[in-house]
Amino acid sequence: MAYAIAQPSLAPVQRGLTILQWLLYSLAVIVLVLGGWAAIGFLNFAAALSGMLPMFQALGSPALNNLIGSALRQGVTTLGVIMLVLSVVLSVLLFTAGKLLGRVDDLSQRVAQLEDRLRLSAASSTMA
């Protein structure tokens, strides 16, 4: 006489994985948008620095103004580019993590179906 062992349902786990997958997708979009916005802000600030440089002229010579102004503009522009690159990389990583969770969800469903088939075939072979 064969006793059937109750198997736990995978529905709550799959629901949680789906929610986490969409959360990661949403975070990827948010990070990409905010990173682009920050990069545009840094680049606009670098462009606006030329209007702020007369403040530096009051402190010293025009040569010092040119030296500080160009280095400051390049530094802020570099920060903007770094922000954009980092946001794209982080966004791609979050999107990839979401895709991997989707694959895990699909795989767990296929494993559950395979276990059900094996359990049914084992039950039918013991009854025969």
Protein backbone atom coordinates (compact mmCIF):
# COMPACT_ATOMS: atom_id res chain seq x y z
CA MET A 1 0.00 0.00 0.00
CA ALA A 2 1.53 3.30 -1.11
CA TYR A 3 0.99 6.48 0.85
CA ALA A 4 0.97 9.79 -0.95
CA ILE A 5 3.19 12.41 0.58
CA ALA A 6 1.72 15.90 0.48
CA GLN A 7 3.94 18.23 -1.50
CA PRO A 8 4.09 21.93 -0.60
CA SER A 9 2.65 24.33 -3.12
CA LEU A 10 5.05 26.57 -5.01
CA ALA A 11 2.40 29.25 -5.64
CA PRO A 12 3.46 31.67 -2.84
CA VAL A 13 7.13 31.38 -3.82
CA GLN A 14 6.35 31.96 -7.49
CA ARG A 15 4.17 34.95 -6.64
CA GLY A 16 6.99 36.39 -4.53
CA LEU A 17 9.50 35.84 -7.31
CA THR A 18 7.22 37.56 -9.80
CA ILE A 19 6.80 40.55 -7.50
CA LEU A 20 10.55 40.71 -6.91
CA GLN A 21 11.20 40.41 -10.64
CA TRP A 22 8.96 43.38 -11.43
CA LEU A 23 10.45 45.32 -8.53
CA LEU A 24 13.92 44.82 -10.01
CA TYR A 25 12.68 45.91 -13.44
CA SER A 26 11.15 49.03 -11.89
CA LEU A 27 14.34 49.81 -9.98
CA ALA A 28 16.36 49.42 -13.19
CA VAL A 29 14.18 52.01 -14.93
CA ILE A 30 14.27 54.36 -11.93
CA VAL A 31 18.07 54.13 -11.65
CA LEU A 32 18.48 54.77 -15.37
CA VAL A 33 16.17 57.79 -15.35
CA LEU A 34 17.68 59.32 -12.20
CA GLY A 35 21.22 58.67 -13.43
CA GLY A 36 20.47 60.36 -16.73
CA TRP A 37 18.84 63.24 -14.92
CA ALA A 38 21.87 63.65 -12.62
CA ALA A 39 24.25 63.47 -15.59
CA ILE A 40 22.29 66.18 -17.41
CA GLY A 41 22.37 68.26 -14.22
CA PHE A 42 26.15 67.91 -13.92
CA LEU A 43 26.65 68.81 -17.59
CA ASN A 44 24.37 71.84 -17.27
CA PHE A 45 26.24 72.93 -14.16
CA ALA A 46 29.54 72.59 -16.02
CA ALA A 47 28.16 74.79 -18.80
CA ALA A 48 26.89 77.36 -16.28
CA LEU A 49 30.25 77.60 -14.53
CA SER A 50 31.51 80.13 -17.04
CA GLY A 51 28.90 82.57 -15.74
CA MET A 52 30.03 81.96 -12.18
CA LEU A 53 33.71 82.53 -12.87
CA PRO A 54 33.75 86.34 -12.39
CA MET A 55 33.51 85.50 -8.70
CA PHE A 56 36.92 83.83 -9.02
CA GLN A 57 38.34 86.85 -10.90
CA ALA A 58 37.75 88.97 -7.83
CA LEU A 59 40.00 86.61 -5.85
CA GLY A 60 43.02 86.66 -8.13
CA SER A 61 44.50 87.00 -11.55
CA PRO A 62 42.83 85.98 -14.82
CA ALA A 63 45.41 83.20 -15.23
CA LEU A 64 44.28 81.68 -11.94
CA ASN A 65 40.69 82.11 -13.10
CA ASN A 66 41.38 80.21 -16.34
CA LEU A 67 43.23 77.47 -14.48
CA ILE A 68 40.57 76.96 -11.82
CA GLY A 69 37.67 77.43 -14.25
CA SER A 70 38.84 74.92 -16.84
CA ALA A 71 39.77 72.32 -14.22
CA LEU A 72 36.44 72.79 -12.46
CA ARG A 73 34.47 72.47 -15.72
CA GLN A 74 36.37 69.33 -16.69
CA GLY A 75 35.88 67.82 -13.25
CA VAL A 76 32.13 68.46 -13.21
CA THR A 77 31.80 67.15 -16.79
CA THR A 78 33.72 64.03 -15.80
CA LEU A 79 31.42 63.53 -12.80
CA GLY A 80 28.41 63.78 -15.12
CA VAL A 81 29.81 61.14 -17.47
CA ILE A 82 30.71 58.88 -14.53
CA MET A 83 27.16 59.22 -13.15
CA LEU A 84 25.69 58.29 -16.53
CA VAL A 85 27.95 55.25 -16.97
CA LEU A 86 27.36 54.01 -13.42
CA SER A 87 23.61 54.38 -13.74
CA VAL A 88 23.60 52.45 -17.02
CA VAL A 89 25.74 49.67 -15.53
CA LEU A 90 23.60 49.43 -12.39
CA SER A 91 20.43 49.49 -14.45
CA VAL A 92 21.69 46.64 -16.65
CA LEU A 93 22.62 44.63 -13.55
CA LEU A 94 19.19 45.13 -11.99
CA PHE A 95 17.47 44.19 -15.26
CA THR A 96 19.64 41.07 -15.54
CA ALA A 97 18.79 40.08 -11.97
CA GLY A 98 15.10 40.45 -12.82
CA LYS A 99 15.51 38.27 -15.90
CA LEU A 100 17.34 35.64 -13.84
CA LEU A 101 14.51 35.58 -11.30
CA GLY A 102 12.08 35.05 -14.15
CA ARG A 103 14.16 32.11 -15.34
CA VAL A 104 14.24 30.70 -11.80
CA ASP A 105 10.47 30.97 -11.65
CA ASP A 106 10.08 29.13 -14.97
CA LEU A 107 12.54 26.47 -13.90
CA SER A 108 10.77 25.87 -10.58
CA GLN A 109 7.48 25.43 -12.44
CA ARG A 110 9.04 22.91 -14.82
CA VAL A 111 10.65 21.00 -11.93
CA ALA A 112 7.29 20.86 -10.12
CA GLN A 113 5.62 19.50 -13.28
CA LEU A 114 8.37 16.90 -13.67
CA GLU A 115 8.04 15.84 -10.02
CA ASP A 116 4.28 15.46 -10.48
CA ARG A 117 4.79 13.30 -13.56
CA LEU A 118 7.37 11.16 -11.75
CA ARG A 119 5.10 10.81 -8.73
CA LEU A 120 2.17 9.74 -10.94
CA SER A 121 4.29 7.26 -12.89
CA ALA A 122 5.69 5.83 -9.64
CA ALA A 123 2.19 5.54 -8.18
CA SER A 124 0.86 3.83 -11.28
CA SER A 125 3.78 1.39 -11.40
CA THR A 126 3.32 0.38 -7.74
CA MET A 127 -0.40 -0.22 -8.25
CA ALA A 128 0.18 -2.49 -11.22
